[in-house]
Amino acid sequence: MRQRQLANSPSARNKIYLVFILWLYKYFVIANLNQSQNLT
């Protein structure tokens, strides 16, 4: 049980980290699109 928990913990953390990066990327892309629209 203990080993299983330790093995699952990094996986869950990586998943959260990936979601966070994707969210930041999405936000960054939207910000860039808005900026380019404002420039034109």
PDB file of N, CA and C in Angstrom:
ATOM      1  N   MET A   1       0.838  -1.212   0.000  1.00  0.00           N
ATOM      2  CA  MET A   1       0.000   0.000   0.000  1.00  0.00           C
ATOM      3  C   MET A   1       0.870   1.257   0.000  1.00  0.00           C
ATOM      4  N   ARG A   2       1.860   1.238   0.879  1.00  0.00           N
ATOM      5  CA  ARG A   2       2.712   2.426   1.000  1.00  0.00           C
ATOM      6  C   ARG A   2       3.482   2.691  -0.294  1.00  0.00           C
ATOM      7  N   GLN A   3       4.050   1.625  -0.856  1.00  0.00           N
ATOM      8  CA  GLN A   3       4.795   1.774  -2.110  1.00  0.00           C
ATOM      9  C   GLN A   3       3.879   2.256  -3.228  1.00  0.00           C
ATOM     10  N   ARG A   4       2.660   1.729  -3.257  1.00  0.00           N
ATOM     11  CA  ARG A   4       1.705   2.096  -4.293  1.00  0.00           C
ATOM     12  C   ARG A   4       1.372   3.580  -4.199  1.00  0.00           C
ATOM     13  N   GLN A   5       1.179   4.059  -2.982  1.00  0.00           N
ATOM     14  CA  GLN A   5       0.851   5.469  -2.774  1.00  0.00           C
ATOM     15  C   GLN A   5       2.001   6.355  -3.266  1.00  0.00           C
ATOM     16  N   LEU A   6       3.217   5.973  -2.941  1.00  0.00           N
ATOM     17  CA  LEU A   6       4.379   6.747  -3.360  1.00  0.00           C
ATOM     18  C   LEU A   6       4.512   6.760  -4.886  1.00  0.00           C
ATOM     19  N   ALA A   7       4.157   5.650  -5.506  1.00  0.00           N
ATOM     20  CA  ALA A   7       4.244   5.559  -6.959  1.00  0.00           C
ATOM     21  C   ALA A   7       3.162   6.416  -7.621  1.00  0.00           C
ATOM     22  N   ASN A   8       1.992   6.470  -7.004  1.00  0.00           N
ATOM     23  CA  ASN A   8       0.886   7.240  -7.577  1.00  0.00           C
ATOM     24  C   ASN A   8       1.057   8.742  -7.372  1.00  0.00           C
ATOM     25  N   SER A   9       1.699   9.126  -6.297  1.00  0.00           N
ATOM     26  CA  SER A   9       1.836  10.545  -5.956  1.00  0.00           C
ATOM     27  C   SER A   9       2.513  11.365  -7.063  1.00  0.00           C
ATOM     28  N   PRO A  10       3.686  10.958  -7.565  1.00  0.00           N
ATOM     29  CA  PRO A  10       4.330  11.753  -8.628  1.00  0.00           C
ATOM     30  C   PRO A  10       3.488  11.812  -9.901  1.00  0.00           C
ATOM     31  N   SER A  11       2.804  10.729 -10.186  1.00  0.00           N
ATOM     32  CA  SER A  11       1.956  10.682 -11.384  1.00  0.00           C
ATOM     33  C   SER A  11       0.842  11.715 -11.290  1.00  0.00           C
ATOM     34  N   ALA A  12       0.201  11.782 -10.131  1.00  0.00           N
ATOM     35  CA  ALA A  12      -0.872  12.757  -9.920  1.00  0.00           C
ATOM     36  C   ALA A  12      -0.310  14.172  -9.992  1.00  0.00           C
ATOM     37  N   ARG A  13       0.856  14.367  -9.414  1.00  0.00           N
ATOM     38  CA  ARG A  13       1.490  15.689  -9.420  1.00  0.00           C
ATOM     39  C   ARG A  13       1.834  16.105 -10.844  1.00  0.00           C
ATOM     40  N   ASN A  14       2.337  15.163 -11.640  1.00  0.00           N
ATOM     41  CA  ASN A  14       2.676  15.459 -13.037  1.00  0.00           C
ATOM     42  C   ASN A  14       1.434  15.824 -13.833  1.00  0.00           C
ATOM     43  N   LYS A  15       0.323  15.142 -13.529  1.00  0.00           N
ATOM     44  CA  LYS A  15      -0.929  15.416 -14.232  1.00  0.00           C
ATOM     45  C   LYS A  15      -1.389  16.840 -13.956  1.00  0.00           C
ATOM     46  N   ILE A  16      -1.332  17.234 -12.683  1.00  0.00           N
ATOM     47  CA  ILE A  16      -1.726  18.591 -12.288  1.00  0.00           C
ATOM     48  C   ILE A  16      -0.795  19.604 -12.955  1.00  0.00           C
ATOM     49  N   TYR A  17       0.502  19.279 -12.977  1.00  0.00           N
ATOM     50  CA  TYR A  17       1.506  20.157 -13.579  1.00  0.00           C
ATOM     51  C   TYR A  17       1.236  20.337 -15.074  1.00  0.00           C
ATOM     52  N   LEU A  18       0.896  19.233 -15.746  1.00  0.00           N
ATOM     53  CA  LEU A  18       0.592  19.290 -17.174  1.00  0.00           C
ATOM     54  C   LEU A  18      -0.633  20.145 -17.447  1.00  0.00           C
ATOM     55  N   VAL A  19      -1.670  19.953 -16.647  1.00  0.00           N
ATOM     56  CA  VAL A  19      -2.903  20.732 -16.807  1.00  0.00           C
ATOM     57  C   VAL A  19      -2.602  22.213 -16.606  1.00  0.00           C
ATOM     58  N   PHE A  20      -1.767  22.514 -15.597  1.00  0.00           N
ATOM     59  CA  PHE A  20      -1.400  23.898 -15.308  1.00  0.00           C
ATOM     60  C   PHE A  20      -0.645  24.522 -16.471  1.00  0.00           C
ATOM     61  N   ILE A  21       0.295  23.777 -17.061  1.00  0.00           N
ATOM     62  CA  ILE A  21       1.067  24.260 -18.210  1.00  0.00           C
ATOM     63  C   ILE A  21       0.151  24.487 -19.410  1.00  0.00           C
ATOM     64  N   LEU A  22      -0.764  23.532 -19.634  1.00  0.00           N
ATOM     65  CA  LEU A  22      -1.700  23.677 -20.754  1.00  0.00           C
ATOM     66  C   LEU A  22      -2.574  24.903 -20.572  1.00  0.00           C
ATOM     67  N   TRP A  23      -3.015  25.147 -19.332  1.00  0.00           N
ATOM     68  CA  TRP A  23      -3.861  26.307 -19.038  1.00  0.00           C
ATOM     69  C   TRP A  23      -3.085  27.601 -19.285  1.00  0.00           C
ATOM     70  N   LEU A  24      -1.832  27.635 -18.829  1.00  0.00           N
ATOM     71  CA  LEU A  24      -0.987  28.814 -19.052  1.00  0.00           C
ATOM     72  C   LEU A  24      -0.763  29.044 -20.547  1.00  0.00           C
ATOM     73  N   TYR A  25      -0.506  27.954 -21.269  1.00  0.00           N
ATOM     74  CA  TYR A  25      -0.273  28.031 -22.712  1.00  0.00           C
ATOM     75  C   TYR A  25      -1.504  28.579 -23.423  1.00  0.00           C
ATOM     76  N   LYS A  26      -2.670  28.051 -23.029  1.00  0.00           N
ATOM     77  CA  LYS A  26      -3.936  28.494 -23.605  1.00  0.00           C
ATOM     78  C   LYS A  26      -4.126  29.995 -23.346  1.00  0.00           C
ATOM     79  N   TYR A  27      -3.872  30.418 -22.118  1.00  0.00           N
ATOM     80  CA  TYR A  27      -4.017  31.815 -21.722  1.00  0.00           C
ATOM     81  C   TYR A  27      -3.068  32.699 -22.534  1.00  0.00           C
ATOM     82  N   PHE A  28      -1.839  32.201 -22.707  1.00  0.00           N
ATOM     83  CA  PHE A  28      -0.824  32.940 -23.449  1.00  0.00           C
ATOM     84  C   PHE A  28      -1.228  33.097 -24.912  1.00  0.00           C
ATOM     85  N   VAL A  29      -1.743  32.022 -25.514  1.00  0.00           N
ATOM     86  CA  VAL A  29      -2.182  32.052 -26.907  1.00  0.00           C
ATOM     87  C   VAL A  29      -3.342  33.024 -27.082  1.00  0.00           C
ATOM     88  N   ILE A  30      -4.306  32.984 -26.157  1.00  0.00           N
ATOM     89  CA  ILE A  30      -5.456  33.889 -26.221  1.00  0.00           C
ATOM     90  C   ILE A  30      -4.983  35.341 -26.100  1.00  0.00           C
ATOM     91  N   ALA A  31      -4.041  35.581 -25.198  1.00  0.00           N
ATOM     92  CA  ALA A  31      -3.501  36.926 -25.007  1.00  0.00           C
ATOM     93  C   ALA A  31      -2.819  37.402 -26.289  1.00  0.00           C
ATOM     94  N   ASN A  32      -2.075  36.520 -26.941  1.00  0.00           N
ATOM     95  CA  ASN A  32      -1.404  36.877 -28.192  1.00  0.00           C
ATOM     96  C   ASN A  32      -2.400  37.170 -29.300  1.00  0.00           C
ATOM     97  N   LEU A  33      -3.461  36.374 -29.364  1.00  0.00           N
ATOM     98  CA  LEU A  33      -4.497  36.600 -30.380  1.00  0.00           C
ATOM     99  C   LEU A  33      -5.165  37.948 -30.167  1.00  0.00           C
ATOM    100  N   ASN A  34      -5.460  38.269 -28.918  1.00  0.00           N
ATOM    101  CA  ASN A  34      -6.094  39.550 -28.612  1.00  0.00           C
ATOM    102  C   ASN A  34      -5.165  40.702 -28.964  1.00  0.00           C
ATOM    103  N   GLN A  35      -3.867  40.522 -28.693  1.00  0.00           N
ATOM    104  CA  GLN A  35      -2.884  41.560 -28.985  1.00  0.00           C
ATOM    105  C   GLN A  35      -2.783  41.791 -30.490  1.00  0.00           C
ATOM    106  N   SER A  36      -2.725  40.712 -31.255  1.00  0.00           N
ATOM    107  CA  SER A  36      -2.611  40.841 -32.712  1.00  0.00           C
ATOM    108  C   SER A  36      -3.872  41.459 -33.303  1.00  0.00           C
ATOM    109  N   GLN A  37      -5.024  41.158 -32.713  1.00  0.00           N
ATOM    110  CA  GLN A  37      -6.269  41.747 -33.195  1.00  0.00           C
ATOM    111  C   GLN A  37      -6.290  43.248 -32.919  1.00  0.00           C
ATOM    112  N   ASN A  38      -5.756  43.639 -31.765  1.00  0.00           N
ATOM    113  CA  ASN A  38      -5.716  45.055 -31.406  1.00  0.00           C
ATOM    114  C   ASN A  38      -4.742  45.823 -32.297  1.00  0.00           C
ATOM    115  N   LEU A  39      -3.674  45.176 -32.719  1.00  0.00           N
ATOM    116  CA  LEU A  39      -2.672  45.838 -33.542  1.00  0.00           C
ATOM    117  C   LEU A  39      -3.198  46.129 -34.941  1.00  0.00           C
ATOM    118  N   THR A  40      -3.997  45.223 -35.469  1.00  0.00           N
ATOM    119  CA  THR A  40      -4.479  45.393 -36.844  1.00  0.00           C
ATOM    120  C   THR A  40      -5.637  46.372 -36.907  1.00  0.00           C
TER     121      THR A  40
END
